[in-house]
Amino acid sequence: MLVLQRYWNESVMIGDDIEVVIVRLNKNSVRLGFKAPANVSIHRKEVWEAIQREKAEKDKEAT
């Protein structure tokens, strides 16, 4: 895992076309902004995991 330190309004690039910006800092949380092409899906991890479970269930039903 790569760990970086960033400050408010600074960003990190992922590849050539995904930018993650530190939008707000609070005591216990960080608000992130994402700039990415429309064909890139961005989800919180818990949402992504739910999507993966649904896909696995549909695949299981199809077999």
N, C-alpha and C. Protein backbone atom coordinates (compact mmCIF):
# COMPACT_ATOMS: atom_id res chain seq x y z
N MET A 1 0.84 -1.18 0.00
CA MET A 1 0.00 0.00 0.00
C MET A 1 0.89 1.24 0.00
N LEU A 2 0.57 2.15 -0.87
CA LEU A 2 1.27 3.43 -0.92
C LEU A 2 0.55 4.39 0.02
N VAL A 3 1.28 5.05 0.90
CA VAL A 3 0.70 6.02 1.83
C VAL A 3 1.31 7.38 1.52
N LEU A 4 0.46 8.37 1.29
CA LEU A 4 0.91 9.72 0.96
C LEU A 4 0.32 10.71 1.95
N GLN A 5 1.02 11.78 2.18
CA GLN A 5 0.49 12.88 2.99
C GLN A 5 0.10 14.00 2.05
N ARG A 6 -1.11 14.48 2.18
CA ARG A 6 -1.62 15.59 1.37
C ARG A 6 -2.29 16.57 2.31
N TYR A 7 -2.38 17.79 1.89
CA TYR A 7 -3.04 18.84 2.65
C TYR A 7 -4.26 19.33 1.89
N TRP A 8 -5.07 20.16 2.55
CA TRP A 8 -6.28 20.69 1.94
C TRP A 8 -5.97 21.26 0.56
N ASN A 9 -6.82 20.94 -0.37
CA ASN A 9 -6.77 21.43 -1.75
C ASN A 9 -5.60 20.86 -2.56
N GLU A 10 -4.88 19.89 -2.03
CA GLU A 10 -3.85 19.20 -2.80
C GLU A 10 -4.47 17.95 -3.41
N SER A 11 -3.78 17.35 -4.36
CA SER A 11 -4.36 16.21 -5.05
C SER A 11 -3.33 15.13 -5.32
N VAL A 12 -3.84 13.99 -5.76
CA VAL A 12 -3.05 12.84 -6.15
C VAL A 12 -3.58 12.39 -7.51
N MET A 13 -2.69 12.04 -8.41
CA MET A 13 -3.09 11.53 -9.72
C MET A 13 -2.99 10.01 -9.73
N ILE A 14 -3.99 9.37 -10.30
CA ILE A 14 -3.97 7.92 -10.52
C ILE A 14 -3.97 7.74 -12.03
N GLY A 15 -2.89 7.23 -12.54
CA GLY A 15 -2.75 7.15 -13.99
C GLY A 15 -2.69 8.55 -14.58
N ASP A 16 -3.16 8.68 -15.81
CA ASP A 16 -3.10 9.97 -16.49
C ASP A 16 -4.37 10.79 -16.37
N ASP A 17 -5.49 10.16 -15.97
CA ASP A 17 -6.75 10.90 -16.06
C ASP A 17 -7.66 10.79 -14.86
N ILE A 18 -7.15 10.32 -13.71
CA ILE A 18 -7.95 10.29 -12.49
C ILE A 18 -7.23 11.14 -11.44
N GLU A 19 -7.94 12.14 -10.94
CA GLU A 19 -7.38 13.03 -9.92
C GLU A 19 -8.24 12.93 -8.66
N VAL A 20 -7.59 12.76 -7.52
CA VAL A 20 -8.26 12.73 -6.22
C VAL A 20 -7.82 13.98 -5.47
N VAL A 21 -8.79 14.82 -5.08
CA VAL A 21 -8.50 16.11 -4.45
C VAL A 21 -8.98 16.08 -2.99
N ILE A 22 -8.17 16.61 -2.08
CA ILE A 22 -8.59 16.76 -0.69
C ILE A 22 -9.47 18.02 -0.64
N VAL A 23 -10.76 17.82 -0.45
CA VAL A 23 -11.72 18.92 -0.49
C VAL A 23 -11.96 19.52 0.89
N ARG A 24 -12.01 18.66 1.91
CA ARG A 24 -12.25 19.16 3.26
C ARG A 24 -11.60 18.23 4.26
N LEU A 25 -11.05 18.80 5.31
CA LEU A 25 -10.45 18.04 6.40
C LEU A 25 -11.19 18.35 7.69
N ASN A 26 -11.58 17.32 8.41
CA ASN A 26 -12.17 17.47 9.74
C ASN A 26 -11.30 16.68 10.71
N LYS A 27 -11.66 16.73 11.97
CA LYS A 27 -10.86 16.04 12.97
C LYS A 27 -10.75 14.54 12.69
N ASN A 28 -11.86 13.91 12.31
CA ASN A 28 -11.87 12.46 12.11
C ASN A 28 -12.22 12.01 10.70
N SER A 29 -12.28 12.93 9.76
CA SER A 29 -12.65 12.52 8.41
C SER A 29 -12.02 13.42 7.36
N VAL A 30 -12.04 12.92 6.16
CA VAL A 30 -11.51 13.65 5.00
C VAL A 30 -12.58 13.59 3.92
N ARG A 31 -12.85 14.69 3.27
CA ARG A 31 -13.77 14.70 2.13
C ARG A 31 -12.91 14.75 0.87
N LEU A 32 -13.16 13.79 -0.01
CA LEU A 32 -12.38 13.67 -1.24
C LEU A 32 -13.24 14.03 -2.43
N GLY A 33 -12.62 14.67 -3.41
CA GLY A 33 -13.27 14.92 -4.69
C GLY A 33 -12.55 14.11 -5.75
N PHE A 34 -13.31 13.57 -6.70
CA PHE A 34 -12.74 12.74 -7.75
C PHE A 34 -13.02 13.35 -9.11
N LYS A 35 -11.99 13.48 -9.91
CA LYS A 35 -12.14 13.91 -11.31
C LYS A 35 -11.68 12.73 -12.15
N ALA A 36 -12.63 12.17 -12.92
CA ALA A 36 -12.31 10.99 -13.72
C ALA A 36 -13.21 10.96 -14.94
N PRO A 37 -12.80 10.23 -15.97
CA PRO A 37 -13.66 10.10 -17.15
C PRO A 37 -14.99 9.45 -16.77
N ALA A 38 -16.01 9.73 -17.54
CA ALA A 38 -17.36 9.22 -17.25
C ALA A 38 -17.41 7.69 -17.25
N ASN A 39 -16.52 7.04 -17.96
CA ASN A 39 -16.56 5.57 -18.02
C ASN A 39 -15.88 4.90 -16.83
N VAL A 40 -15.36 5.68 -15.88
CA VAL A 40 -14.73 5.13 -14.68
C VAL A 40 -15.74 5.20 -13.54
N SER A 41 -16.09 4.02 -12.98
CA SER A 41 -17.01 4.04 -11.84
C SER A 41 -16.23 4.22 -10.55
N ILE A 42 -16.79 5.03 -9.67
CA ILE A 42 -16.16 5.33 -8.38
C ILE A 42 -17.20 5.06 -7.30
N HIS A 43 -16.85 4.19 -6.35
CA HIS A 43 -17.77 3.83 -5.27
C HIS A 43 -17.00 3.80 -3.95
N ARG A 44 -17.71 4.06 -2.85
CA ARG A 44 -17.16 3.76 -1.54
C ARG A 44 -16.97 2.25 -1.48
N LYS A 45 -16.01 1.78 -0.70
CA LYS A 45 -15.70 0.34 -0.70
C LYS A 45 -16.90 -0.50 -0.31
N GLU A 46 -17.67 -0.08 0.69
CA GLU A 46 -18.82 -0.89 1.12
C GLU A 46 -19.87 -1.01 0.01
N VAL A 47 -20.02 0.02 -0.80
CA VAL A 47 -20.94 -0.04 -1.94
C VAL A 47 -20.38 -0.97 -3.00
N TRP A 48 -19.10 -0.86 -3.29
CA TRP A 48 -18.46 -1.73 -4.27
C TRP A 48 -18.59 -3.20 -3.86
N GLU A 49 -18.39 -3.49 -2.56
CA GLU A 49 -18.52 -4.87 -2.08
C GLU A 49 -19.94 -5.39 -2.27
N ALA A 50 -20.94 -4.55 -2.02
CA ALA A 50 -22.33 -4.96 -2.23
C ALA A 50 -22.59 -5.25 -3.70
N ILE A 51 -22.05 -4.43 -4.58
CA ILE A 51 -22.20 -4.65 -6.03
C ILE A 51 -21.55 -5.98 -6.41
N GLN A 52 -20.38 -6.26 -5.87
CA GLN A 52 -19.69 -7.52 -6.18
C GLN A 52 -20.49 -8.72 -5.69
N ARG A 53 -21.10 -8.62 -4.50
CA ARG A 53 -21.93 -9.71 -3.98
C ARG A 53 -23.13 -9.95 -4.90
N GLU A 54 -23.78 -8.86 -5.34
CA GLU A 54 -24.92 -8.99 -6.24
C GLU A 54 -24.50 -9.65 -7.55
N LYS A 55 -23.36 -9.26 -8.09
CA LYS A 55 -22.87 -9.88 -9.33
C LYS A 55 -22.62 -11.37 -9.13
N ALA A 56 -22.01 -11.73 -8.01
CA ALA A 56 -21.72 -13.14 -7.73
C ALA A 56 -23.00 -13.94 -7.60
N GLU A 57 -24.02 -13.37 -6.95
CA GLU A 57 -25.31 -14.05 -6.81
C GLU A 57 -25.97 -14.25 -8.17
N LYS A 58 -25.93 -13.24 -9.02
CA LYS A 58 -26.52 -13.35 -10.36
C LYS A 58 -25.78 -14.40 -11.18
N ASP A 59 -24.45 -14.43 -11.07
CA ASP A 59 -23.66 -15.43 -11.79
C ASP A 59 -24.00 -16.83 -11.31
N LYS A 60 -24.19 -16.97 -10.00
CA LYS A 60 -24.53 -18.27 -9.42
C LYS A 60 -25.90 -18.73 -9.91
N GLU A 61 -26.87 -17.80 -9.99
CA GLU A 61 -28.21 -18.13 -10.47
C GLU A 61 -28.20 -18.51 -11.95
N ALA A 62 -27.30 -17.92 -12.72
CA ALA A 62 -27.25 -18.16 -14.16
C ALA A 62 -26.67 -19.54 -14.49
N THR A 63 -25.97 -20.14 -13.54
CA THR A 63 -25.36 -21.45 -13.81
C THR A 63 -26.21 -22.59 -13.34
